[in-house]
Amino acid sequence: MQNAYFMPVKVTATELARDSNSILDAVIHRGETAVITRHGKDAVQIRRVRGVSREEILRRLDAVRFSKEEARELTAAIQAGAEVVQ
């Protein structure tokens, strides 16, 4: 996780290959962001995943049987959330 106080950790592709465990530990356990460089240029960013994927949410929602009223309320909430994001 990149925050206002710390810059992402810059790591070369060679360093990642040599010491991937400690780099992944920094990302996973300390919430740091690692930027992997190749030939001196930023190539990839590794950061911790948060929450669940869209696919997982849809899979979970698909397993629930909503009443018509609940479905209307859920649809309205999703549309309101989409308007806020735009």
C-alpha atoms as a PDB file:
ATOM      1  CA  MET A   1       0.000   0.000   0.000  1.00  0.00           C
ATOM      2  CA  GLN A   2       1.478   3.271  -1.010  1.00  0.00           C
ATOM      3  CA  ASN A   3       0.778   6.101   1.379  1.00  0.00           C
ATOM      4  CA  ALA A   4       1.584   9.772   1.616  1.00  0.00           C
ATOM      5  CA  TYR A   5       4.720   9.184   3.696  1.00  0.00           C
ATOM      6  CA  PHE A   6       6.557   6.456   1.817  1.00  0.00           C
ATOM      7  CA  MET A   7       7.544   6.088  -1.793  1.00  0.00           C
ATOM      8  CA  PRO A   8       7.264   2.672  -3.441  1.00  0.00           C
ATOM      9  CA  VAL A   9      10.281   0.415  -3.038  1.00  0.00           C
ATOM     10  CA  LYS A  10      12.251   0.215  -6.304  1.00  0.00           C
ATOM     11  CA  VAL A  11      13.598  -3.260  -7.080  1.00  0.00           C
ATOM     12  CA  THR A  12      15.392  -4.483 -10.172  1.00  0.00           C
ATOM     13  CA  ALA A  13      14.140  -7.600 -11.919  1.00  0.00           C
ATOM     14  CA  THR A  14      17.384  -9.300 -10.911  1.00  0.00           C
ATOM     15  CA  GLU A  15      16.836  -8.415  -7.236  1.00  0.00           C
ATOM     16  CA  LEU A  16      13.278  -9.737  -7.446  1.00  0.00           C
ATOM     17  CA  ALA A  17      14.537 -13.018  -8.899  1.00  0.00           C
ATOM     18  CA  ARG A  18      17.190 -13.283  -6.189  1.00  0.00           C
ATOM     19  CA  ASP A  19      15.082 -12.270  -3.176  1.00  0.00           C
ATOM     20  CA  SER A  20      11.392 -12.565  -4.052  1.00  0.00           C
ATOM     21  CA  ASN A  21      10.377 -13.841  -0.588  1.00  0.00           C
ATOM     22  CA  SER A  22      11.458 -10.732   1.300  1.00  0.00           C
ATOM     23  CA  ILE A  23      10.011  -8.426  -1.361  1.00  0.00           C
ATOM     24  CA  LEU A  24       6.655 -10.221  -1.271  1.00  0.00           C
ATOM     25  CA  ASP A  25       6.725 -10.151   2.550  1.00  0.00           C
ATOM     26  CA  ALA A  26       7.180  -6.369   2.443  1.00  0.00           C
ATOM     27  CA  VAL A  27       4.205  -6.046   0.113  1.00  0.00           C
ATOM     28  CA  ILE A  28       1.922  -8.525   1.876  1.00  0.00           C
ATOM     29  CA  HIS A  29       2.734  -7.955   5.535  1.00  0.00           C
ATOM     30  CA  ARG A  30       3.845  -4.312   5.636  1.00  0.00           C
ATOM     31  CA  GLY A  31       1.590  -3.020   2.877  1.00  0.00           C
ATOM     32  CA  GLU A  32       4.441  -1.611   0.824  1.00  0.00           C
ATOM     33  CA  THR A  33       4.301  -1.167  -2.941  1.00  0.00           C
ATOM     34  CA  ALA A  34       7.205  -2.534  -4.993  1.00  0.00           C
ATOM     35  CA  VAL A  35       8.059  -1.134  -8.408  1.00  0.00           C
ATOM     36  CA  ILE A  36      10.078  -3.582 -10.464  1.00  0.00           C
ATOM     37  CA  THR A  37      12.489  -2.029 -12.930  1.00  0.00           C
ATOM     38  CA  ARG A  38      13.924  -3.570 -16.051  1.00  0.00           C
ATOM     39  CA  HIS A  39      16.784  -1.937 -17.947  1.00  0.00           C
ATOM     40  CA  GLY A  40      16.492   1.070 -15.631  1.00  0.00           C
ATOM     41  CA  LYS A  41      12.809   1.737 -16.386  1.00  0.00           C
ATOM     42  CA  ASP A  42       9.734   1.041 -14.277  1.00  0.00           C
ATOM     43  CA  ALA A  43       8.112  -2.114 -15.647  1.00  0.00           C
ATOM     44  CA  VAL A  44       5.730  -3.575 -13.066  1.00  0.00           C
ATOM     45  CA  GLN A  45       4.101  -2.571  -9.806  1.00  0.00           C
ATOM     46  CA  ILE A  46       3.376  -5.152  -7.116  1.00  0.00           C
ATOM     47  CA  ARG A  47       0.890  -4.224  -4.432  1.00  0.00           C
ATOM     48  CA  ARG A  48      -1.337  -6.028  -1.995  1.00  0.00           C
ATOM     49  CA  VAL A  49      -4.761  -7.051  -3.217  1.00  0.00           C
ATOM     50  CA  ARG A  50      -7.646  -5.683  -1.209  1.00  0.00           C
ATOM     51  CA  GLY A  51     -11.178  -6.930  -0.971  1.00  0.00           C
ATOM     52  CA  VAL A  52     -12.622  -9.437  -3.370  1.00  0.00           C
ATOM     53  CA  SER A  53     -12.735  -9.507  -7.137  1.00  0.00           C
ATOM     54  CA  ARG A  54     -15.775  -8.513  -9.174  1.00  0.00           C
ATOM     55  CA  GLU A  55     -16.104 -12.141 -10.240  1.00  0.00           C
ATOM     56  CA  GLU A  56     -16.213 -13.310  -6.618  1.00  0.00           C
ATOM     57  CA  ILE A  57     -18.891 -10.752  -5.747  1.00  0.00           C
ATOM     58  CA  LEU A  58     -21.006 -11.834  -8.727  1.00  0.00           C
ATOM     59  CA  ARG A  59     -20.545 -15.508  -7.836  1.00  0.00           C
ATOM     60  CA  ARG A  60     -21.649 -14.869  -4.260  1.00  0.00           C
ATOM     61  CA  LEU A  61     -24.620 -12.755  -5.311  1.00  0.00           C
ATOM     62  CA  ASP A  62     -25.670 -15.369  -7.845  1.00  0.00           C
ATOM     63  CA  ALA A  63     -25.901 -17.943  -5.043  1.00  0.00           C
ATOM     64  CA  VAL A  64     -28.378 -15.759  -3.109  1.00  0.00           C
ATOM     65  CA  ARG A  65     -32.065 -15.848  -4.009  1.00  0.00           C
ATOM     66  CA  PHE A  66     -33.422 -12.332  -3.533  1.00  0.00           C
ATOM     67  CA  SER A  67     -37.103 -11.448  -3.380  1.00  0.00           C
ATOM     68  CA  LYS A  68     -38.322  -9.048  -6.081  1.00  0.00           C
ATOM     69  CA  GLU A  69     -38.271  -6.175  -3.570  1.00  0.00           C
ATOM     70  CA  GLU A  70     -34.738  -7.024  -2.422  1.00  0.00           C
ATOM     71  CA  ALA A  71     -33.613  -7.228  -6.055  1.00  0.00           C
ATOM     72  CA  ARG A  72     -35.071  -3.762  -6.740  1.00  0.00           C
ATOM     73  CA  GLU A  73     -33.344  -2.306  -3.665  1.00  0.00           C
ATOM     74  CA  LEU A  74     -30.024  -3.915  -4.602  1.00  0.00           C
ATOM     75  CA  THR A  75     -30.270  -2.652  -8.185  1.00  0.00           C
ATOM     76  CA  ALA A  76     -31.019   0.882  -6.947  1.00  0.00           C
ATOM     77  CA  ALA A  77     -28.056   0.755  -4.540  1.00  0.00           C
ATOM     78  CA  ILE A  78     -25.687  -0.454  -7.265  1.00  0.00           C
ATOM     79  CA  GLN A  79     -26.855   2.289  -9.628  1.00  0.00           C
ATOM     80  CA  ALA A  80     -26.451   4.941  -6.912  1.00  0.00           C
ATOM     81  CA  GLY A  81     -22.945   3.675  -6.179  1.00  0.00           C
ATOM     82  CA  ALA A  82     -22.043   3.776  -9.859  1.00  0.00           C
ATOM     83  CA  GLU A  83     -23.170   7.415 -10.067  1.00  0.00           C
ATOM     84  CA  VAL A  84     -20.937   8.343  -7.125  1.00  0.00           C
ATOM     85  CA  VAL A  85     -17.906   6.694  -8.735  1.00  0.00           C
ATOM     86  CA  GLN A  86     -18.377   8.539 -12.038  1.00  0.00           C
END
